[in-house]
Amino acid sequence: MIMGLFHQSENDLNKSDSIALQLKSITSNYFPDSDTFDYIVLSPNPTKDKLNIKTSSALGRSSIILYNTKGFIVYQNSLNLGIECTIDLSSYPSGVYFLNILSGNKTFIKKIIKQ
């Protein structure tokens, strides 16, 4: 288990309202876990531009948050997540990111590599 401290933006470094997140897995594109979702597949990973998200079932209203390795939010969106959706990462610099999907009381966190 990996712990991380995440901030809303670089301007929030001195604020005490940081969010601590637990990363359950960062090694596989397939993430089965009875405490989270049936499954979520991210592809391609690594990616050069678009990241496809496929789930076992429609998740409904969900928050998608992408963090950089410094813990800053670089993308955030709230949407009705169906079985498939795509995030355009073409304008983001190469590097490692963490994708966080929140749906109801379920959480999914995955390492993404942007080439």
Protein backbone atom coordinates (compact mmCIF):
# COMPACT_ATOMS: atom_id res chain seq x y z
CA MET A 1 0.00 0.00 0.00
CA ILE A 2 1.32 3.44 -0.92
CA MET A 3 0.28 6.64 0.80
CA GLY A 4 0.33 10.01 -0.88
CA LEU A 5 -0.47 13.58 0.04
CA PHE A 6 -2.24 15.53 -2.65
CA HIS A 7 -2.96 19.25 -2.99
CA GLN A 8 -5.53 21.10 -5.09
CA SER A 9 -2.86 23.24 -6.78
CA GLU A 10 0.68 24.45 -6.34
CA ASN A 11 -0.70 27.50 -4.52
CA ASP A 12 -2.13 25.25 -1.80
CA LEU A 13 1.22 23.94 -0.52
CA ASN A 14 0.90 25.76 2.81
CA LYS A 15 -2.77 25.03 3.38
CA SER A 16 -3.92 22.32 5.77
CA ASP A 17 -6.81 21.06 3.63
CA SER A 18 -4.76 18.49 1.71
CA ILE A 19 -6.31 15.14 0.89
CA ALA A 20 -4.53 11.92 1.82
CA LEU A 21 -5.21 9.09 -0.64
CA GLN A 22 -4.25 5.43 -0.44
CA LEU A 23 -3.05 3.85 -3.65
CA LYS A 24 -4.15 0.21 -3.61
CA SER A 25 -2.53 -0.81 -6.88
CA ILE A 26 -0.36 0.84 -9.46
CA THR A 27 0.94 -2.14 -11.37
CA SER A 28 -1.85 -3.46 -13.61
CA ASN A 29 -4.26 -2.05 -16.20
CA TYR A 30 -6.89 -4.51 -14.97
CA PHE A 31 -8.09 -3.71 -11.46
CA PRO A 32 -10.48 -6.27 -9.93
CA ASP A 33 -11.33 -5.52 -6.31
CA SER A 34 -14.52 -6.30 -4.43
CA ASP A 35 -14.10 -3.11 -2.36
CA THR A 36 -13.93 -0.88 -5.43
CA PHE A 37 -15.31 -1.70 -8.91
CA ASP A 38 -15.95 -5.01 -10.67
CA TYR A 39 -13.26 -3.99 -13.13
CA ILE A 40 -11.81 -0.99 -14.91
CA VAL A 41 -9.47 -1.26 -17.88
CA LEU A 42 -7.29 1.68 -18.94
CA SER A 43 -5.76 1.55 -22.40
CA PRO A 44 -3.37 2.22 -23.84
CA ASN A 45 -1.08 2.64 -20.86
CA PRO A 46 1.45 4.09 -21.55
CA THR A 47 -0.41 6.53 -23.81
CA LYS A 48 0.63 9.30 -26.18
CA ASP A 49 -2.69 11.12 -26.43
CA LYS A 50 -6.04 9.51 -25.58
CA LEU A 51 -6.71 7.29 -22.57
CA ASN A 52 -9.68 4.92 -22.89
CA ILE A 53 -11.55 3.91 -19.74
CA LYS A 54 -13.73 0.78 -19.88
CA THR A 55 -15.77 -0.44 -16.93
CA SER A 56 -17.81 -3.57 -16.25
CA SER A 57 -20.96 -1.47 -15.86
CA ALA A 58 -22.09 2.14 -16.10
CA LEU A 59 -20.93 3.99 -12.98
CA GLY A 60 -23.27 6.99 -13.24
CA ARG A 61 -22.20 10.33 -11.78
CA SER A 62 -18.46 10.07 -11.18
CA SER A 63 -15.51 12.34 -10.55
CA ILE A 64 -12.33 11.84 -12.54
CA ILE A 65 -9.22 13.48 -11.12
CA LEU A 66 -5.71 13.29 -12.57
CA TYR A 67 -2.74 14.10 -10.32
CA ASN A 68 0.87 14.67 -11.31
CA THR A 69 3.71 13.12 -9.30
CA LYS A 70 3.93 16.25 -7.12
CA GLY A 71 0.35 15.62 -6.02
CA PHE A 72 -1.21 18.54 -7.89
CA ILE A 73 -4.53 18.18 -9.68
CA VAL A 74 -3.93 18.65 -13.41
CA TYR A 75 -7.37 17.49 -14.64
CA GLN A 76 -10.71 17.24 -12.92
CA ASN A 77 -14.14 16.48 -14.32
CA SER A 78 -17.49 15.30 -13.01
CA LEU A 79 -19.53 13.32 -15.51
CA ASN A 80 -21.96 10.47 -16.04
CA LEU A 81 -19.48 7.67 -16.65
CA GLY A 82 -20.88 4.96 -18.89
CA ILE A 83 -19.16 1.73 -19.79
CA GLU A 84 -16.62 3.56 -21.98
CA CYS A 85 -15.11 7.04 -21.96
CA THR A 86 -11.98 8.76 -23.26
CA ILE A 87 -9.73 11.41 -21.74
CA ASP A 88 -7.54 13.48 -24.08
CA LEU A 89 -4.03 13.75 -22.61
CA SER A 90 -2.35 15.04 -25.78
CA SER A 91 -1.69 18.50 -24.29
CA TYR A 92 -0.09 17.14 -21.10
CA PRO A 93 3.68 16.79 -20.71
CA SER A 94 5.25 13.34 -20.73
CA GLY A 95 5.48 11.78 -17.31
CA VAL A 96 3.72 9.77 -14.63
CA TYR A 97 0.21 10.64 -13.45
CA PHE A 98 -2.32 9.09 -11.10
CA LEU A 99 -5.93 8.72 -12.23
CA ASN A 100 -8.54 8.75 -9.47
CA ILE A 101 -12.16 7.79 -10.22
CA LEU A 102 -14.72 8.36 -7.48
CA SER A 103 -18.21 6.94 -7.91
CA GLY A 104 -20.53 6.82 -4.91
CA ASN A 105 -18.50 5.23 -2.13
CA LYS A 106 -16.13 3.47 -4.56
CA THR A 107 -12.62 4.62 -5.43
CA PHE A 108 -10.18 3.60 -8.15
CA ILE A 109 -6.60 4.90 -8.36
CA LYS A 110 -4.20 3.93 -11.15
CA LYS A 111 -0.78 5.01 -12.38
CA ILE A 112 -0.83 6.41 -15.93
CA ILE A 113 2.27 6.94 -18.05
CA LYS A 114 2.05 9.73 -20.64
CA GLN A 115 4.67 9.43 -23.38
